[in-house]
Amino acid sequence: MPFHFAPTAIDGPMLVDPSVFSDSRGLFFETYKRSEFAAAGIGEEFVQTNASTSSRNVLRGLHYQLPPHAQAKLVRCVSGAIFDVAVDIRRGSPSFGRWVAQELTAENRLMLFVPVGFAHGFLTLSDRAEVNYMVNAEYHPASERGLAWNDPAIGIDWPCDEVLLSDKDRQYPPLAEADVFD
């Protein structure tokens, strides 16, 4: 099997570790294979791929889209390193408001699957990082929402105190005031 799928501490997000094949020429690995993802319980059909490049201490997030345009994401760091976070925003879920995080790097090649019903964000740990992620719904500006990155009710233990945020990300509300999944 080209992938190892591992559940996280919260039901839904999943860590994906691809098998890497290397020889004197370099290496090869699959980043997605629909049949194997479906067999592991990830049946989303990805319809859009996004890429971002960020410098050290840039924090992007915590982002999500509301139904019917909600997005599941498969996140991979293709250069550098990021601290990748998923926050459960499914009201009524036993893990509502809890978060999981994983360091994703070009070297470890790990990917994080973030299902619908989770806010997503990441902090750049390296001087520069490029992140690619596939989503199962196209970007829909009217459905876009976000959470305050430093909401004490969520309590994400970001590995940096001084982060660089966009104006939009700086203005997102705390979880208690946000539109979430009912």
C-alpha atoms as a PDB file:
ATOM      1  CA  MET A   1       0.000   0.000   0.000  1.00  0.00           C
ATOM      2  CA  PRO A   2       1.505   3.358  -0.984  1.00  0.00           C
ATOM      3  CA  PHE A   3      -0.075   5.128   2.027  1.00  0.00           C
ATOM      4  CA  HIS A   4      -0.326   4.679   5.762  1.00  0.00           C
ATOM      5  CA  PHE A   5      -3.406   6.365   7.253  1.00  0.00           C
ATOM      6  CA  ALA A   6      -3.379   7.219  10.971  1.00  0.00           C
ATOM      7  CA  PRO A   7      -6.263   8.705  12.935  1.00  0.00           C
ATOM      8  CA  THR A   8      -5.611  11.777  15.072  1.00  0.00           C
ATOM      9  CA  ALA A   9      -6.753  12.501  18.624  1.00  0.00           C
ATOM     10  CA  ILE A  10     -10.000  13.905  17.176  1.00  0.00           C
ATOM     11  CA  ASP A  11     -12.341  11.833  15.031  1.00  0.00           C
ATOM     12  CA  GLY A  12     -12.191  13.063  11.441  1.00  0.00           C
ATOM     13  CA  PRO A  13      -8.768  14.488  10.647  1.00  0.00           C
ATOM     14  CA  MET A  14      -6.301  11.867   9.452  1.00  0.00           C
ATOM     15  CA  LEU A  15      -2.543  11.829   9.040  1.00  0.00           C
ATOM     16  CA  VAL A  16      -1.435  10.437   5.686  1.00  0.00           C
ATOM     17  CA  ASP A  17       2.095   9.060   5.290  1.00  0.00           C
ATOM     18  CA  PRO A  18       2.998   8.114   1.701  1.00  0.00           C
ATOM     19  CA  SER A  19       5.399   5.305   0.889  1.00  0.00           C
ATOM     20  CA  VAL A  20       8.536   6.725  -0.687  1.00  0.00           C
ATOM     21  CA  PHE A  21      10.526   4.762  -3.230  1.00  0.00           C
ATOM     22  CA  SER A  22      14.094   5.930  -3.698  1.00  0.00           C
ATOM     23  CA  ASP A  23      17.189   4.847  -5.570  1.00  0.00           C
ATOM     24  CA  SER A  24      20.304   6.464  -7.021  1.00  0.00           C
ATOM     25  CA  ARG A  25      18.167   8.626  -9.349  1.00  0.00           C
ATOM     26  CA  GLY A  26      16.118  10.219  -6.578  1.00  0.00           C
ATOM     27  CA  LEU A  27      12.720   9.347  -5.203  1.00  0.00           C
ATOM     28  CA  PHE A  28       9.092   8.811  -6.152  1.00  0.00           C
ATOM     29  CA  PHE A  29       5.877   8.809  -4.138  1.00  0.00           C
ATOM     30  CA  GLU A  30       2.182   9.182  -4.774  1.00  0.00           C
ATOM     31  CA  THR A  31       0.479  12.127  -3.095  1.00  0.00           C
ATOM     32  CA  TYR A  32      -3.052  10.940  -3.768  1.00  0.00           C
ATOM     33  CA  LYS A  33      -4.729   7.784  -5.031  1.00  0.00           C
ATOM     34  CA  ARG A  34      -8.506   7.859  -4.933  1.00  0.00           C
ATOM     35  CA  SER A  35      -9.008   4.086  -4.437  1.00  0.00           C
ATOM     36  CA  GLU A  36      -6.668   3.947  -1.436  1.00  0.00           C
ATOM     37  CA  PHE A  37      -8.053   7.090   0.162  1.00  0.00           C
ATOM     38  CA  ALA A  38     -11.604   5.737  -0.270  1.00  0.00           C
ATOM     39  CA  ALA A  39     -10.573   2.416   1.293  1.00  0.00           C
ATOM     40  CA  ALA A  40      -9.284   4.407   4.289  1.00  0.00           C
ATOM     41  CA  GLY A  41     -12.624   6.250   4.617  1.00  0.00           C
ATOM     42  CA  ILE A  42     -11.681   9.421   2.726  1.00  0.00           C
ATOM     43  CA  GLY A  43     -14.127   9.385  -0.165  1.00  0.00           C
ATOM     44  CA  GLU A  44     -14.078  13.055  -1.114  1.00  0.00           C
ATOM     45  CA  GLU A  45     -13.664  13.980  -4.741  1.00  0.00           C
ATOM     46  CA  PHE A  46     -11.124  16.783  -4.910  1.00  0.00           C
ATOM     47  CA  VAL A  47     -12.029  19.524  -7.411  1.00  0.00           C
ATOM     48  CA  GLN A  48      -9.490  22.295  -6.831  1.00  0.00           C
ATOM     49  CA  THR A  49      -5.829  22.508  -5.828  1.00  0.00           C
ATOM     50  CA  ASN A  50      -4.446  25.557  -4.026  1.00  0.00           C
ATOM     51  CA  ALA A  51      -0.868  26.672  -3.401  1.00  0.00           C
ATOM     52  CA  SER A  52       0.584  29.267  -1.062  1.00  0.00           C
ATOM     53  CA  THR A  53       4.071  30.463  -0.286  1.00  0.00           C
ATOM     54  CA  SER A  54       4.788  32.071   3.067  1.00  0.00           C
ATOM     55  CA  SER A  55       7.736  33.383   5.023  1.00  0.00           C
ATOM     56  CA  ARG A  56       8.665  32.478   8.610  1.00  0.00           C
ATOM     57  CA  ASN A  57       5.988  33.178  11.267  1.00  0.00           C
ATOM     58  CA  VAL A  58       3.210  33.783   8.728  1.00  0.00           C
ATOM     59  CA  LEU A  59      -0.004  32.339  10.108  1.00  0.00           C
ATOM     60  CA  ARG A  60      -2.789  31.589   7.641  1.00  0.00           C
ATOM     61  CA  GLY A  61      -6.158  30.775   9.157  1.00  0.00           C
ATOM     62  CA  LEU A  62      -8.187  29.559  10.768  1.00  0.00           C
ATOM     63  CA  HIS A  63     -10.335  29.200   7.626  1.00  0.00           C
ATOM     64  CA  TYR A  64     -13.423  27.257   6.545  1.00  0.00           C
ATOM     65  CA  GLN A  65     -16.471  27.541   4.310  1.00  0.00           C
ATOM     66  CA  LEU A  66     -20.072  26.995   5.384  1.00  0.00           C
ATOM     67  CA  PRO A  67     -22.392  24.459   3.722  1.00  0.00           C
ATOM     68  CA  PRO A  68     -23.328  23.897   1.004  1.00  0.00           C
ATOM     69  CA  HIS A  69     -19.819  25.006  -0.028  1.00  0.00           C
ATOM     70  CA  ALA A  70     -17.936  23.465   2.912  1.00  0.00           C
ATOM     71  CA  GLN A  71     -14.505  22.115   2.057  1.00  0.00           C
ATOM     72  CA  ALA A  72     -12.501  19.074   3.041  1.00  0.00           C
ATOM     73  CA  LYS A  73      -8.755  19.584   2.493  1.00  0.00           C
ATOM     74  CA  LEU A  74      -5.718  17.396   1.912  1.00  0.00           C
ATOM     75  CA  VAL A  75      -2.733  19.519   2.977  1.00  0.00           C
ATOM     76  CA  ARG A  76       0.918  18.959   2.036  1.00  0.00           C
ATOM     77  CA  CYS A  77       4.028  21.084   2.573  1.00  0.00           C
ATOM     78  CA  VAL A  78       6.161  20.829  -0.572  1.00  0.00           C
ATOM     79  CA  SER A  79       9.050  23.002   0.647  1.00  0.00           C
ATOM     80  CA  GLY A  80      10.016  24.151   4.123  1.00  0.00           C
ATOM     81  CA  ALA A  81       7.987  23.361   7.241  1.00  0.00           C
ATOM     82  CA  ILE A  82       4.619  24.284   8.725  1.00  0.00           C
ATOM     83  CA  PHE A  83       2.660  23.670  11.923  1.00  0.00           C
ATOM     84  CA  ASP A  84      -0.702  22.554  10.486  1.00  0.00           C
ATOM     85  CA  VAL A  85      -3.874  22.783  12.600  1.00  0.00           C
ATOM     86  CA  ALA A  86      -7.466  21.511  12.350  1.00  0.00           C
ATOM     87  CA  VAL A  87     -10.150  22.733  14.798  1.00  0.00           C
ATOM     88  CA  ASP A  88     -13.446  20.874  15.246  1.00  0.00           C
ATOM     89  CA  ILE A  89     -16.289  23.366  14.628  1.00  0.00           C
ATOM     90  CA  ARG A  90     -19.127  20.810  14.536  1.00  0.00           C
ATOM     91  CA  ARG A  91     -21.504  21.984  17.264  1.00  0.00           C
ATOM     92  CA  GLY A  92     -22.687  18.898  19.137  1.00  0.00           C
ATOM     93  CA  SER A  93     -19.500  16.968  18.402  1.00  0.00           C
ATOM     94  CA  PRO A  94     -17.817  15.516  21.506  1.00  0.00           C
ATOM     95  CA  SER A  95     -14.624  17.253  20.366  1.00  0.00           C
ATOM     96  CA  PHE A  96     -16.211  20.632  19.496  1.00  0.00           C
ATOM     97  CA  GLY A  97     -13.587  23.368  19.928  1.00  0.00           C
ATOM     98  CA  ARG A  98     -10.684  20.905  20.223  1.00  0.00           C
ATOM     99  CA  TRP A  99      -7.747  20.968  17.851  1.00  0.00           C
ATOM    100  CA  VAL A 100      -5.077  18.689  16.435  1.00  0.00           C
ATOM    101  CA  ALA A 101      -1.792  19.731  14.886  1.00  0.00           C
ATOM    102  CA  GLN A 102       0.996  18.142  12.911  1.00  0.00           C
ATOM    103  CA  GLU A 103       4.305  19.437  11.649  1.00  0.00           C
ATOM    104  CA  LEU A 104       4.312  18.958   7.895  1.00  0.00           C
ATOM    105  CA  THR A 105       7.635  19.303   6.105  1.00  0.00           C
ATOM    106  CA  ALA A 106       9.101  18.689   2.682  1.00  0.00           C
ATOM    107  CA  GLU A 107      11.342  16.104   4.344  1.00  0.00           C
ATOM    108  CA  ASN A 108       8.739  14.087   6.274  1.00  0.00           C
ATOM    109  CA  ARG A 109       6.250  14.240   3.345  1.00  0.00           C
ATOM    110  CA  LEU A 110       3.311  13.826   5.748  1.00  0.00           C
ATOM    111  CA  MET A 111      -0.108  15.119   4.735  1.00  0.00           C
ATOM    112  CA  LEU A 112      -3.067  16.091   6.911  1.00  0.00           C
ATOM    113  CA  PHE A 113      -6.606  15.363   5.793  1.00  0.00           C
ATOM    114  CA  VAL A 114      -8.959  18.006   7.228  1.00  0.00           C
ATOM    115  CA  PRO A 115     -12.615  16.969   6.823  1.00  0.00           C
ATOM    116  CA  VAL A 116     -15.673  19.171   6.408  1.00  0.00           C
ATOM    117  CA  GLY A 117     -16.636  20.655   9.776  1.00  0.00           C
ATOM    118  CA  PHE A 118     -13.116  21.720  10.717  1.00  0.00           C
ATOM    119  CA  ALA A 119     -11.388  25.093  10.533  1.00  0.00           C
ATOM    120  CA  HIS A 120      -7.864  24.911   9.126  1.00  0.00           C
ATOM    121  CA  GLY A 121      -4.759  27.020   9.523  1.00  0.00           C
ATOM    122  CA  PHE A 122      -1.004  26.805   9.540  1.00  0.00           C
ATOM    123  CA  LEU A 123       2.068  28.619  10.814  1.00  0.00           C
ATOM    124  CA  THR A 124       5.255  28.717   8.732  1.00  0.00           C
ATOM    125  CA  LEU A 125       8.188  27.339  10.728  1.00  0.00           C
ATOM    126  CA  SER A 126      10.931  27.680   8.101  1.00  0.00           C
ATOM    127  CA  ASP A 127      12.312  30.778   6.375  1.00  0.00           C
ATOM    128  CA  ARG A 128       9.988  29.965   3.479  1.00  0.00           C
ATOM    129  CA  ALA A 129       7.351  27.288   2.953  1.00  0.00           C
ATOM    130  CA  GLU A 130       5.202  26.282   0.026  1.00  0.00           C
ATOM    131  CA  VAL A 131       1.941  24.510   0.808  1.00  0.00           C
ATOM    132  CA  ASN A 132      -0.332  22.701  -1.636  1.00  0.00           C
ATOM    133  CA  TYR A 133      -3.759  21.498  -0.701  1.00  0.00           C
ATOM    134  CA  MET A 134      -6.581  19.878  -2.567  1.00  0.00           C
ATOM    135  CA  VAL A 135     -10.197  20.713  -1.710  1.00  0.00           C
ATOM    136  CA  ASN A 136     -13.460  18.967  -2.491  1.00  0.00           C
ATOM    137  CA  ALA A 137     -15.446  22.184  -3.130  1.00  0.00           C
ATOM    138  CA  GLU A 138     -14.484  25.278  -5.048  1.00  0.00           C
ATOM    139  CA  TYR A 139     -13.753  28.542  -3.293  1.00  0.00           C
ATOM    140  CA  HIS A 140     -16.991  30.416  -2.599  1.00  0.00           C
ATOM    141  CA  PRO A 141     -16.349  33.902  -1.158  1.00  0.00           C
ATOM    142  CA  ALA A 142     -19.834  34.333   0.383  1.00  0.00           C
ATOM    143  CA  SER A 143     -19.380  31.071   2.353  1.00  0.00           C
ATOM    144  CA  GLU A 144     -15.885  31.895   3.628  1.00  0.00           C
ATOM    145  CA  ARG A 145     -15.499  32.179   7.395  1.00  0.00           C
ATOM    146  CA  GLY A 146     -12.729  32.063   9.963  1.00  0.00           C
ATOM    147  CA  LEU A 147     -11.858  31.889  13.632  1.00  0.00           C
ATOM    148  CA  ALA A 148      -9.513  33.998  15.725  1.00  0.00           C
ATOM    149  CA  TRP A 149      -6.144  32.240  15.639  1.00  0.00           C
ATOM    150  CA  ASN A 150      -5.506  33.008  19.314  1.00  0.00           C
ATOM    151  CA  ASP A 151      -8.955  32.302  20.800  1.00  0.00           C
ATOM    152  CA  PRO A 152      -8.237  31.199  24.408  1.00  0.00           C
ATOM    153  CA  ALA A 153     -11.349  28.984  24.349  1.00  0.00           C
ATOM    154  CA  ILE A 154      -9.623  26.873  21.694  1.00  0.00           C
ATOM    155  CA  GLY A 155      -6.142  27.264  23.178  1.00  0.00           C
ATOM    156  CA  ILE A 156      -3.936  26.304  20.243  1.00  0.00           C
ATOM    157  CA  ASP A 157      -0.343  25.976  21.391  1.00  0.00           C
ATOM    158  CA  TRP A 158       1.250  27.769  18.431  1.00  0.00           C
ATOM    159  CA  PRO A 159       5.052  27.393  18.429  1.00  0.00           C
ATOM    160  CA  CYS A 160       5.503  31.176  17.972  1.00  0.00           C
ATOM    161  CA  ASP A 161       4.137  34.188  19.847  1.00  0.00           C
ATOM    162  CA  GLU A 162       4.743  36.897  17.241  1.00  0.00           C
ATOM    163  CA  VAL A 163       2.881  35.871  14.094  1.00  0.00           C
ATOM    164  CA  LEU A 164       2.299  37.703  10.817  1.00  0.00           C
ATOM    165  CA  LEU A 165      -1.389  37.827   9.858  1.00  0.00           C
ATOM    166  CA  SER A 166      -3.407  39.223   6.982  1.00  0.00           C
ATOM    167  CA  ASP A 167      -5.863  41.982   7.850  1.00  0.00           C
ATOM    168  CA  LYS A 168      -8.713  39.570   7.173  1.00  0.00           C
ATOM    169  CA  ASP A 169      -7.315  36.853   9.459  1.00  0.00           C
ATOM    170  CA  ARG A 170      -6.734  39.418  12.214  1.00  0.00           C
ATOM    171  CA  GLN A 171     -10.463  40.270  12.295  1.00  0.00           C
ATOM    172  CA  TYR A 172     -11.995  36.795  12.620  1.00  0.00           C
ATOM    173  CA  PRO A 173     -14.191  36.240  15.705  1.00  0.00           C
ATOM    174  CA  PRO A 174     -13.666  33.771  18.543  1.00  0.00           C
ATOM    175  CA  LEU A 175     -15.397  30.399  18.307  1.00  0.00           C
ATOM    176  CA  ALA A 176     -18.226  31.527  20.629  1.00  0.00           C
ATOM    177  CA  GLU A 177     -19.238  34.230  18.120  1.00  0.00           C
ATOM    178  CA  ALA A 178     -18.538  32.394  14.869  1.00  0.00           C
ATOM    179  CA  ASP A 179     -20.877  30.762  12.360  1.00  0.00           C
ATOM    180  CA  VAL A 180     -20.174  27.049  12.747  1.00  0.00           C
ATOM    181  CA  PHE A 181     -21.601  23.701  11.659  1.00  0.00           C
ATOM    182  CA  ASP A 182     -24.858  22.689  13.393  1.00  0.00           C
END
